[in-house]
N, C-alpha and C. Protein backbone atom coordinates (compact mmCIF):
# COMPACT_ATOMS: atom_id res chain seq x y z
N MET A 1 28.44 7.81 -17.25
CA MET A 1 28.98 7.86 -18.58
C MET A 1 28.83 9.25 -19.18
N ARG A 2 27.67 9.86 -18.98
CA ARG A 2 27.46 11.19 -19.57
C ARG A 2 28.41 12.22 -18.95
N ASP A 3 28.79 12.04 -17.69
CA ASP A 3 29.71 13.00 -17.10
C ASP A 3 31.07 12.93 -17.77
N ASN A 4 31.47 11.75 -18.24
CA ASN A 4 32.72 11.60 -18.97
C ASN A 4 32.66 12.22 -20.36
N GLN A 5 31.45 12.44 -20.85
CA GLN A 5 31.26 13.00 -22.18
C GLN A 5 31.05 14.51 -22.13
N GLY A 6 31.24 15.08 -20.95
CA GLY A 6 31.13 16.54 -20.82
C GLY A 6 29.71 17.04 -20.72
N ALA A 7 28.80 16.23 -20.19
CA ALA A 7 27.41 16.66 -20.04
C ALA A 7 27.32 17.84 -19.08
N LEU A 8 26.34 18.68 -19.34
CA LEU A 8 26.10 19.82 -18.46
C LEU A 8 25.59 19.33 -17.11
N GLN A 9 25.87 20.10 -16.07
CA GLN A 9 25.44 19.73 -14.71
C GLN A 9 23.93 19.58 -14.63
N VAL A 10 23.19 20.43 -15.34
CA VAL A 10 21.73 20.35 -15.31
C VAL A 10 21.24 19.00 -15.84
N GLU A 11 21.90 18.49 -16.89
CA GLU A 11 21.52 17.18 -17.43
C GLU A 11 21.86 16.07 -16.43
N LEU A 12 23.02 16.15 -15.81
CA LEU A 12 23.41 15.14 -14.83
C LEU A 12 22.46 15.15 -13.63
N ASP A 13 22.05 16.34 -13.20
CA ASP A 13 21.09 16.45 -12.10
C ASP A 13 19.75 15.82 -12.48
N ARG A 14 19.33 16.04 -13.71
CA ARG A 14 18.05 15.47 -14.17
C ARG A 14 18.14 13.94 -14.20
N ILE A 15 19.27 13.41 -14.63
CA ILE A 15 19.45 11.95 -14.64
C ILE A 15 19.41 11.41 -13.22
N ARG A 16 20.02 12.10 -12.28
CA ARG A 16 19.97 11.67 -10.88
C ARG A 16 18.54 11.72 -10.34
N GLU A 17 17.79 12.73 -10.73
CA GLU A 17 16.39 12.85 -10.30
C GLU A 17 15.57 11.67 -10.83
N VAL A 18 15.76 11.35 -12.10
CA VAL A 18 15.04 10.23 -12.70
C VAL A 18 15.43 8.92 -12.01
N SER A 19 16.70 8.78 -11.69
CA SER A 19 17.16 7.59 -10.99
C SER A 19 16.46 7.44 -9.64
N ALA A 20 16.30 8.54 -8.94
CA ALA A 20 15.61 8.52 -7.65
C ALA A 20 14.15 8.09 -7.82
N TRP A 21 13.50 8.57 -8.89
CA TRP A 21 12.11 8.15 -9.15
C TRP A 21 12.05 6.64 -9.37
N LEU A 22 13.01 6.11 -10.10
CA LEU A 22 13.01 4.67 -10.36
C LEU A 22 13.26 3.87 -9.09
N VAL A 23 14.12 4.35 -8.22
CA VAL A 23 14.34 3.68 -6.93
C VAL A 23 13.06 3.71 -6.11
N ASP A 24 12.40 4.87 -6.06
CA ASP A 24 11.11 4.97 -5.35
C ASP A 24 10.08 4.01 -5.94
N ALA A 25 10.02 3.96 -7.26
CA ALA A 25 9.06 3.08 -7.93
C ALA A 25 9.32 1.63 -7.57
N LEU A 26 10.58 1.25 -7.52
CA LEU A 26 10.92 -0.12 -7.16
C LEU A 26 10.46 -0.44 -5.75
N GLU A 27 10.71 0.46 -4.83
CA GLU A 27 10.28 0.25 -3.44
C GLU A 27 8.75 0.15 -3.34
N LEU A 28 8.07 1.06 -4.01
CA LEU A 28 6.61 1.06 -3.96
C LEU A 28 6.00 -0.15 -4.67
N SER A 29 6.72 -0.70 -5.62
CA SER A 29 6.19 -1.84 -6.37
C SER A 29 6.06 -3.08 -5.50
N ARG A 30 6.68 -3.07 -4.36
CA ARG A 30 6.61 -4.23 -3.45
C ARG A 30 5.31 -4.25 -2.65
N THR A 31 4.48 -3.22 -2.81
CA THR A 31 3.19 -3.19 -2.13
C THR A 31 2.22 -4.10 -2.88
N ALA A 32 1.11 -4.38 -2.25
CA ALA A 32 0.10 -5.25 -2.86
C ALA A 32 -0.47 -4.61 -4.12
N PRO A 33 -0.76 -5.44 -5.13
CA PRO A 33 -1.37 -4.91 -6.35
C PRO A 33 -2.70 -4.20 -6.06
N ASP A 34 -3.02 -3.25 -6.90
CA ASP A 34 -4.25 -2.47 -6.83
C ASP A 34 -4.38 -1.68 -5.52
N THR A 35 -3.24 -1.22 -5.02
CA THR A 35 -3.24 -0.33 -3.86
C THR A 35 -2.69 1.02 -4.31
N LEU A 36 -2.85 2.00 -3.46
CA LEU A 36 -2.34 3.34 -3.78
C LEU A 36 -0.83 3.30 -4.01
N GLY A 37 -0.11 2.57 -3.18
CA GLY A 37 1.33 2.47 -3.33
C GLY A 37 1.74 1.83 -4.65
N HIS A 38 1.03 0.78 -5.03
CA HIS A 38 1.35 0.08 -6.27
C HIS A 38 1.06 0.97 -7.48
N ARG A 39 -0.05 1.69 -7.43
CA ARG A 39 -0.37 2.62 -8.51
C ARG A 39 0.65 3.76 -8.58
N ALA A 40 1.11 4.21 -7.41
CA ALA A 40 2.13 5.26 -7.38
C ALA A 40 3.44 4.75 -7.99
N ALA A 41 3.74 3.48 -7.77
CA ALA A 41 4.95 2.88 -8.36
C ALA A 41 4.88 2.96 -9.88
N TRP A 42 3.74 2.57 -10.43
CA TRP A 42 3.58 2.63 -11.89
C TRP A 42 3.70 4.06 -12.39
N ALA A 43 3.08 4.99 -11.69
CA ALA A 43 3.11 6.39 -12.12
C ALA A 43 4.54 6.93 -12.11
N LYS A 44 5.29 6.63 -11.06
CA LYS A 44 6.68 7.10 -10.99
C LYS A 44 7.53 6.45 -12.07
N ALA A 45 7.33 5.18 -12.30
CA ALA A 45 8.10 4.48 -13.33
C ALA A 45 7.78 5.03 -14.72
N GLU A 46 6.51 5.29 -14.98
CA GLU A 46 6.12 5.84 -16.28
C GLU A 46 6.68 7.25 -16.47
N ARG A 47 6.63 8.04 -15.41
CA ARG A 47 7.17 9.41 -15.50
C ARG A 47 8.68 9.36 -15.74
N ALA A 48 9.36 8.50 -15.00
CA ALA A 48 10.82 8.37 -15.16
C ALA A 48 11.17 7.90 -16.57
N THR A 49 10.41 6.96 -17.08
CA THR A 49 10.67 6.43 -18.42
C THR A 49 10.47 7.52 -19.47
N ALA A 50 9.44 8.33 -19.30
CA ALA A 50 9.18 9.42 -20.25
C ALA A 50 10.31 10.43 -20.24
N VAL A 51 10.76 10.82 -19.06
CA VAL A 51 11.84 11.80 -18.97
C VAL A 51 13.14 11.21 -19.50
N LEU A 52 13.40 9.95 -19.17
CA LEU A 52 14.60 9.29 -19.67
C LEU A 52 14.59 9.24 -21.19
N SER A 53 13.43 8.96 -21.76
CA SER A 53 13.30 8.95 -23.22
C SER A 53 13.64 10.31 -23.81
N GLU A 54 13.15 11.37 -23.18
CA GLU A 54 13.45 12.72 -23.65
C GLU A 54 14.95 13.00 -23.59
N LEU A 55 15.59 12.59 -22.51
CA LEU A 55 17.03 12.80 -22.37
C LEU A 55 17.80 12.03 -23.43
N LEU A 56 17.36 10.82 -23.72
CA LEU A 56 18.05 10.00 -24.71
C LEU A 56 17.84 10.53 -26.13
N LEU A 57 16.68 11.12 -26.38
CA LEU A 57 16.39 11.66 -27.70
C LEU A 57 17.43 12.69 -28.13
N VAL A 58 17.89 13.45 -27.18
CA VAL A 58 18.88 14.48 -27.48
C VAL A 58 20.16 13.86 -28.05
N HIS A 59 20.45 12.62 -27.65
CA HIS A 59 21.73 12.02 -28.00
C HIS A 59 21.65 10.86 -28.99
N ASP A 60 20.53 10.14 -29.00
CA ASP A 60 20.50 8.94 -29.84
C ASP A 60 19.06 8.53 -30.16
N GLU A 61 18.68 8.73 -31.40
CA GLU A 61 17.30 8.43 -31.83
C GLU A 61 16.98 6.94 -31.71
N SER A 62 17.89 6.05 -32.06
CA SER A 62 17.60 4.61 -32.00
C SER A 62 17.40 4.15 -30.56
N THR A 63 18.15 4.71 -29.64
CA THR A 63 17.97 4.37 -28.22
C THR A 63 16.61 4.85 -27.74
N LYS A 64 16.20 6.03 -28.17
CA LYS A 64 14.89 6.56 -27.78
C LYS A 64 13.78 5.63 -28.24
N ARG A 65 13.89 5.13 -29.47
CA ARG A 65 12.86 4.22 -29.98
C ARG A 65 12.82 2.94 -29.16
N LEU A 66 13.98 2.41 -28.80
CA LEU A 66 14.05 1.19 -28.00
C LEU A 66 13.41 1.40 -26.63
N VAL A 67 13.80 2.47 -25.95
CA VAL A 67 13.24 2.75 -24.63
C VAL A 67 11.74 3.01 -24.73
N GLY A 68 11.32 3.74 -25.74
CA GLY A 68 9.89 4.01 -25.94
C GLY A 68 9.08 2.75 -26.15
N ALA A 69 9.63 1.82 -26.93
CA ALA A 69 8.94 0.55 -27.17
C ALA A 69 8.79 -0.25 -25.88
N TRP A 70 9.85 -0.28 -25.08
CA TRP A 70 9.77 -0.99 -23.80
C TRP A 70 8.79 -0.31 -22.85
N ALA A 71 8.78 1.01 -22.85
CA ALA A 71 7.86 1.74 -21.98
C ALA A 71 6.42 1.43 -22.36
N GLU A 72 6.15 1.40 -23.66
CA GLU A 72 4.81 1.06 -24.13
C GLU A 72 4.42 -0.34 -23.70
N ARG A 73 5.34 -1.27 -23.88
CA ARG A 73 5.08 -2.67 -23.52
C ARG A 73 4.82 -2.82 -22.02
N LEU A 74 5.66 -2.18 -21.20
CA LEU A 74 5.48 -2.27 -19.76
C LEU A 74 4.20 -1.58 -19.31
N SER A 75 3.88 -0.47 -19.95
CA SER A 75 2.65 0.24 -19.60
C SER A 75 1.42 -0.62 -19.91
N ALA A 76 1.45 -1.29 -21.03
CA ALA A 76 0.32 -2.15 -21.42
C ALA A 76 0.17 -3.32 -20.45
N ARG A 77 1.26 -3.83 -19.94
CA ARG A 77 1.23 -4.95 -19.00
C ARG A 77 0.69 -4.54 -17.65
N GLY A 78 0.92 -3.27 -17.27
CA GLY A 78 0.53 -2.81 -15.95
C GLY A 78 -0.90 -2.37 -15.81
N ARG A 79 -1.60 -2.35 -16.89
CA ARG A 79 -2.99 -1.86 -16.84
C ARG A 79 -3.98 -2.97 -16.94
């Protein structure tokens, strides 16, 4: 969608990078709880969510608040 809105290549590359982190997190999340892989999944997902929030802030404050609230909720559940 952002490419249709004339987003800069650097922004599109960053979105692709974040997407890759989320795919990695999903794969790692299939490991047993309280293992290195499972903790790495949470770390990648949290990092991706933080960067995604930053990207959304540039374009839409209400979306940033929504994503931030979900990130907080998911982070609290994972600990």
